[in-house]
Amino acid sequence: MSEAHTPRWSSRLASAVLLGLVAFVIFGPLLNLFLWAFAEQWYFPHKLPQQFGFTFWARVFQPRGNAIASLATSIWIALLTVVTSLAVAIPAGYALARLRLRWRGLILLAFLLPQAVPNIPVYVNIARIFYEIGLNGTILGVVLVHAAHGLVLAVWIASAAFASIDASLEEASRNLGASPWTCFRTVTLPLALPGLIASAIFVFLESLDEFTGTYFVGVPDVTTLPLLMFNASMGGNYQIASITALLLLLPSIAFMLVVERFLKADVLAMVGR
């Protein structure tokens, strides 16, 4: 009987060890981030900070700390990126979902190209072009760079949201005398709204966390929170870098909970179809 229980206990032990390793990989960096955010003193070879406090938090939120201004700039750029992306994604997503386009697959694939190509060479050339036309170091230039990546998520999710709507509902509306615009405004758009909200949140979060494009196109005139975090970490000020990282992490967690509510299984099933 003991021999029969041995494999069961060994499998449970292996599962527990594997689960512990996965938890460590996921939550270990977050724990280190929290420790650095509240550490007043932490010197080698100590395993934990010698002193905790909020001195660096006060320093971050001081007017000369530039964190509040950088956060406001990041949010403003992210909002403009969402508006720009959805302005393209809504008509493009509807056309890809409802119209019988001959090259539909290639069009969807084209929106993936910004993710397939290495970012740094692309951003270097964009920065050169923007410098020639006066967009380098401007909010508009940063928004355009962010939107180029945001369109991937925006178009694919918007297309899936429109494709998940039963076409018979639109046909019923048209049979009752509604014009194409009225049908789209009163039937199609409200039904696709949860997917579009999820799309907007994904674009917002990607823009909020974007560093590379902002670095090549926006520096030194446009400073976002990821740039502030980078400067702090490169200067060895890990407390400031950890605090700014937490400021970026909290809205990401909150918005992902919202996405989980709006992005339903039927929409996910239509992504790429």
Protein backbone atom coordinates (compact mmCIF):
# COMPACT_ATOMS: atom_id res chain seq x y z
CA MET A 1 0.00 0.00 0.00
CA SER A 2 2.87 2.34 0.80
CA GLU A 3 4.31 1.62 -2.65
CA ALA A 4 1.00 2.63 -4.23
CA HIS A 5 1.02 5.94 -2.37
CA THR A 6 4.63 6.73 -3.28
CA PRO A 7 3.97 7.71 -6.92
CA ARG A 8 1.01 9.82 -5.87
CA TRP A 9 3.04 11.74 -3.29
CA SER A 10 5.96 12.14 -5.67
CA SER A 11 3.67 13.56 -8.37
CA ARG A 12 2.15 15.96 -5.86
CA LEU A 13 5.59 17.04 -4.71
CA ALA A 14 6.71 17.60 -8.31
CA SER A 15 3.54 19.64 -9.01
CA ALA A 16 4.10 21.72 -5.89
CA VAL A 17 7.72 22.41 -6.82
CA LEU A 18 6.75 23.36 -10.39
CA LEU A 19 3.97 25.61 -9.13
CA GLY A 20 6.38 27.24 -6.70
CA LEU A 21 8.89 27.91 -9.48
CA VAL A 22 6.20 29.46 -11.69
CA ALA A 23 5.01 31.65 -8.80
CA PHE A 24 8.59 32.72 -8.12
CA VAL A 25 9.18 33.65 -11.76
CA ILE A 26 5.95 35.69 -11.86
CA PHE A 27 5.87 37.28 -8.42
CA GLY A 28 9.59 37.38 -7.58
CA PRO A 29 10.33 40.47 -9.71
CA LEU A 30 7.18 42.17 -8.39
CA LEU A 31 8.25 41.50 -4.81
CA ASN A 32 11.69 42.95 -5.55
CA LEU A 33 9.99 45.98 -7.11
CA PHE A 34 7.92 46.59 -3.97
CA LEU A 35 10.96 46.21 -1.73
CA TRP A 36 12.95 48.76 -3.71
CA ALA A 37 9.98 51.17 -3.82
CA PHE A 38 9.89 51.41 -0.02
CA ALA A 39 13.59 50.88 0.76
CA GLU A 40 15.40 53.75 2.43
CA GLN A 41 18.68 51.85 2.75
CA TRP A 42 19.65 48.59 1.07
CA TYR A 43 23.29 47.72 0.79
CA PHE A 44 25.19 44.58 -0.07
CA PRO A 45 25.40 41.91 1.39
CA HIS A 46 22.04 42.37 3.15
CA LYS A 47 19.23 40.26 1.71
CA LEU A 48 16.52 42.76 2.75
CA PRO A 49 16.48 46.55 3.10
CA GLN A 50 17.86 47.84 6.38
CA GLN A 51 15.32 50.64 6.52
CA PHE A 52 11.89 51.27 5.00
CA GLY A 53 10.15 54.59 4.47
CA PHE A 54 8.43 57.01 2.09
CA THR A 55 11.25 59.51 1.52
CA PHE A 56 11.65 58.60 -2.13
CA TRP A 57 7.88 58.67 -2.68
CA ALA A 58 7.84 62.27 -1.47
CA ARG A 59 10.75 63.02 -3.77
CA VAL A 60 8.93 61.53 -6.77
CA PHE A 61 5.79 63.59 -6.17
CA GLN A 62 7.61 66.86 -5.61
CA PRO A 63 7.08 69.41 -8.39
CA ARG A 64 10.74 69.25 -9.38
CA GLY A 65 10.58 65.45 -9.41
CA ASN A 66 8.86 65.67 -12.82
CA ALA A 67 6.89 62.46 -12.17
CA ILE A 68 3.45 64.10 -12.19
CA ALA A 69 4.20 66.04 -15.37
CA SER A 70 5.60 62.91 -17.04
CA LEU A 71 2.55 60.89 -15.98
CA ALA A 72 0.21 63.55 -17.35
CA THR A 73 2.16 63.58 -20.63
CA SER A 74 2.00 59.78 -20.83
CA ILE A 75 -1.76 59.75 -20.26
CA TRP A 76 -2.35 62.53 -22.78
CA ILE A 77 -0.28 60.74 -25.44
CA ALA A 78 -2.06 57.45 -24.69
CA LEU A 79 -5.49 59.08 -25.06
CA LEU A 80 -4.54 60.69 -28.36
CA THR A 81 -3.15 57.35 -29.54
CA VAL A 82 -6.45 55.65 -28.69
CA VAL A 83 -8.45 58.25 -30.62
CA THR A 84 -6.12 58.01 -33.63
CA SER A 85 -6.11 54.21 -33.63
CA LEU A 86 -9.88 53.86 -33.26
CA ALA A 87 -10.49 56.44 -35.98
CA VAL A 88 -8.78 54.00 -38.35
CA ALA A 89 -9.73 50.72 -36.65
CA ILE A 90 -13.52 51.18 -36.55
CA PRO A 91 -14.09 51.68 -40.32
CA ALA A 92 -11.28 49.25 -41.17
CA GLY A 93 -12.57 46.62 -38.76
CA TYR A 94 -16.11 46.96 -40.06
CA ALA A 95 -14.95 46.67 -43.67
CA LEU A 96 -12.81 43.62 -42.90
CA ALA A 97 -15.65 41.94 -41.02
CA ARG A 98 -18.60 42.75 -43.26
CA LEU A 99 -17.32 43.37 -46.78
CA ARG A 100 -16.15 40.58 -49.05
CA LEU A 101 -12.64 41.87 -49.59
CA ARG A 102 -10.49 39.83 -51.93
CA TRP A 103 -7.24 40.48 -50.07
CA ARG A 104 -8.67 40.43 -46.56
CA GLY A 105 -6.01 38.07 -45.19
CA LEU A 106 -3.19 40.14 -46.64
CA ILE A 107 -4.68 43.34 -45.23
CA LEU A 108 -4.85 41.83 -41.74
CA LEU A 109 -1.29 40.58 -42.17
CA ALA A 110 -0.15 44.06 -43.20
CA PHE A 111 -1.29 45.44 -39.86
CA LEU A 112 1.04 42.92 -38.18
CA LEU A 113 4.13 44.18 -40.00
CA PRO A 114 5.04 46.81 -37.36
CA GLN A 115 5.29 43.96 -34.84
CA ALA A 116 7.21 41.66 -37.17
CA VAL A 117 9.98 44.12 -38.06
CA PRO A 118 12.69 44.92 -35.44
CA ASN A 119 11.70 48.14 -33.72
CA ILE A 120 15.00 49.96 -33.35
CA PRO A 121 15.94 50.25 -37.06
CA VAL A 122 12.39 51.36 -37.83
CA TYR A 123 12.39 54.00 -35.09
CA VAL A 124 15.81 55.31 -36.16
CA ASN A 125 14.55 55.89 -39.70
CA ILE A 126 11.25 57.35 -38.47
CA ALA A 127 13.19 59.75 -36.23
CA ARG A 128 15.28 60.85 -39.24
CA ILE A 129 12.17 61.46 -41.36
CA PHE A 130 10.34 63.23 -38.53
CA TYR A 131 13.37 65.45 -37.96
CA GLU A 132 13.25 66.56 -41.58
CA ILE A 133 9.54 67.43 -41.44
CA GLY A 134 9.58 68.94 -37.95
CA LEU A 135 7.76 66.18 -36.04
CA ASN A 136 10.74 64.99 -34.00
CA GLY A 137 10.41 66.00 -30.37
CA THR A 138 6.66 66.70 -30.62
CA ILE A 139 3.59 65.13 -29.07
CA LEU A 140 2.15 64.51 -32.53
CA GLY A 141 5.23 62.62 -33.63
CA VAL A 142 5.13 60.37 -30.56
CA VAL A 143 1.41 59.75 -31.03
CA LEU A 144 1.93 58.69 -34.65
CA VAL A 145 4.65 56.23 -33.62
CA HIS A 146 2.50 54.79 -30.84
CA ALA A 147 -0.50 54.54 -33.17
CA ALA A 148 1.51 52.54 -35.69
CA HIS A 149 1.80 49.79 -33.09
CA GLY A 150 -1.62 50.37 -31.57
CA LEU A 151 -3.32 49.76 -34.92
CA VAL A 152 -2.32 46.10 -34.77
CA LEU A 153 -4.44 45.48 -31.68
CA ALA A 154 -7.11 47.99 -32.60
CA VAL A 155 -7.86 46.66 -36.09
CA TRP A 156 -7.71 42.97 -35.21
CA ILE A 157 -9.95 43.29 -32.13
CA ALA A 158 -12.36 45.68 -33.88
CA SER A 159 -12.64 43.29 -36.82
CA ALA A 160 -13.36 40.41 -34.44
CA ALA A 161 -15.95 42.50 -32.57
CA PHE A 162 -17.87 43.32 -35.75
CA ALA A 163 -17.56 39.76 -37.08
CA SER A 164 -19.10 38.36 -33.87
CA ILE A 165 -22.36 40.29 -34.47
CA ASP A 166 -25.18 38.35 -36.05
CA ALA A 167 -25.74 39.81 -39.50
CA SER A 168 -29.47 39.02 -39.28
CA LEU A 169 -29.86 41.79 -36.71
CA GLU A 170 -28.57 44.34 -39.18
CA GLU A 171 -30.79 42.87 -41.91
CA ALA A 172 -33.83 43.17 -39.65
CA SER A 173 -33.01 46.81 -38.98
CA ARG A 174 -32.65 47.52 -42.69
CA ASN A 175 -35.95 45.73 -43.43
CA LEU A 176 -37.68 48.04 -40.96
CA GLY A 177 -36.55 51.04 -42.99
CA ALA A 178 -33.35 52.06 -41.23
CA SER A 179 -30.68 53.68 -43.38
CA PRO A 180 -27.17 52.13 -43.46
CA TRP A 181 -25.86 54.85 -41.12
CA THR A 182 -28.81 54.48 -38.71
CA CYS A 183 -28.36 50.71 -38.71
CA PHE A 184 -24.66 51.05 -37.95
CA ARG A 185 -25.21 53.69 -35.26
CA THR A 186 -28.12 52.04 -33.44
CA VAL A 187 -27.48 48.31 -33.95
CA THR A 188 -23.96 47.43 -35.05
CA LEU A 189 -21.92 49.92 -33.04
CA PRO A 190 -23.63 49.29 -29.66
CA LEU A 191 -23.22 45.53 -30.09
CA ALA A 192 -19.54 45.93 -31.00
CA LEU A 193 -18.91 48.45 -28.22
CA PRO A 194 -17.55 45.97 -25.61
CA GLY A 195 -14.93 44.75 -28.07
CA LEU A 196 -14.07 48.31 -29.09
CA ILE A 197 -13.66 49.29 -25.43
CA ALA A 198 -11.31 46.36 -24.94
CA SER A 199 -9.42 47.43 -28.05
CA ALA A 200 -9.11 50.98 -26.74
CA ILE A 201 -7.81 49.73 -23.38
CA PHE A 202 -5.16 47.55 -25.02
CA VAL A 203 -3.99 50.48 -27.16
CA PHE A 204 -3.98 52.79 -24.13
CA LEU A 205 -1.85 50.39 -22.08
CA GLU A 206 0.60 49.77 -24.91
CA SER A 207 1.03 53.49 -25.45
CA LEU A 208 1.36 54.14 -21.72
CA ASP A 209 4.22 51.62 -21.44
CA GLU A 210 5.92 52.39 -24.77
CA PHE A 211 9.56 53.39 -24.33
CA THR A 212 11.59 52.75 -27.48
CA GLY A 213 9.50 54.80 -29.91
CA THR A 214 9.22 57.68 -27.45
CA TYR A 215 12.97 57.58 -26.84
CA PHE A 216 13.92 57.91 -30.51
CA VAL A 217 11.16 60.30 -31.56
CA GLY A 218 10.33 62.34 -28.45
CA VAL A 219 13.63 62.91 -26.59
CA PRO A 220 14.53 65.44 -25.25
CA ASP A 221 11.38 67.54 -25.57
CA VAL A 222 8.79 64.88 -24.69
CA THR A 223 9.32 63.07 -21.37
CA THR A 224 6.98 60.24 -20.44
CA LEU A 225 6.94 58.09 -17.33
CA PRO A 226 8.81 55.16 -18.97
CA LEU A 227 11.58 57.59 -19.98
CA LEU A 228 11.72 58.91 -16.42
CA MET A 229 11.98 55.34 -15.12
CA PHE A 230 14.79 54.60 -17.59
CA ASN A 231 16.76 57.68 -16.58
CA ALA A 232 16.39 56.82 -12.90
CA SER A 233 17.49 53.22 -13.37
CA MET A 234 20.47 54.21 -15.54
CA GLY A 235 21.49 56.65 -12.80
CA GLY A 236 21.40 53.89 -10.17
CA ASN A 237 18.40 55.37 -8.39
CA TYR A 238 16.46 52.13 -8.09
CA GLN A 239 13.94 53.52 -5.61
CA ILE A 240 12.75 56.19 -8.03
CA ALA A 241 12.74 53.68 -10.89
CA SER A 242 10.69 51.20 -8.84
CA ILE A 243 8.15 53.83 -7.79
CA THR A 244 7.60 54.97 -11.38
CA ALA A 245 7.28 51.31 -12.41
CA LEU A 246 4.54 50.86 -9.82
CA LEU A 247 2.77 53.95 -11.15
CA LEU A 248 2.73 52.26 -14.56
CA LEU A 249 1.77 48.85 -13.15
CA LEU A 250 -1.34 49.87 -11.21
CA PRO A 251 -3.39 51.22 -14.15
CA SER A 252 -2.32 48.21 -16.22
CA ILE A 253 -3.75 45.80 -13.64
CA ALA A 254 -6.94 47.84 -13.25
CA PHE A 255 -7.56 48.09 -16.99
CA MET A 256 -6.84 44.41 -17.59
CA LEU A 257 -9.61 43.57 -15.10
CA VAL A 258 -11.92 45.76 -17.18
CA VAL A 259 -10.78 44.04 -20.38
CA GLU A 260 -11.57 40.64 -18.88
CA ARG A 261 -15.14 41.83 -18.40
CA PHE A 262 -15.66 43.29 -21.87
CA LEU A 263 -13.67 40.93 -24.09
CA LYS A 264 -15.97 37.91 -24.39
CA ALA A 265 -15.18 34.47 -25.74
CA ASP A 266 -17.22 34.99 -28.93
CA VAL A 267 -15.11 38.04 -29.80
CA LEU A 268 -11.84 36.22 -29.11
CA ALA A 269 -12.99 33.34 -31.31
CA MET A 270 -13.32 35.70 -34.28
CA VAL A 271 -9.84 37.26 -34.01
CA GLY A 272 -8.05 36.81 -37.32
CA ARG A 273 -11.04 35.18 -39.09
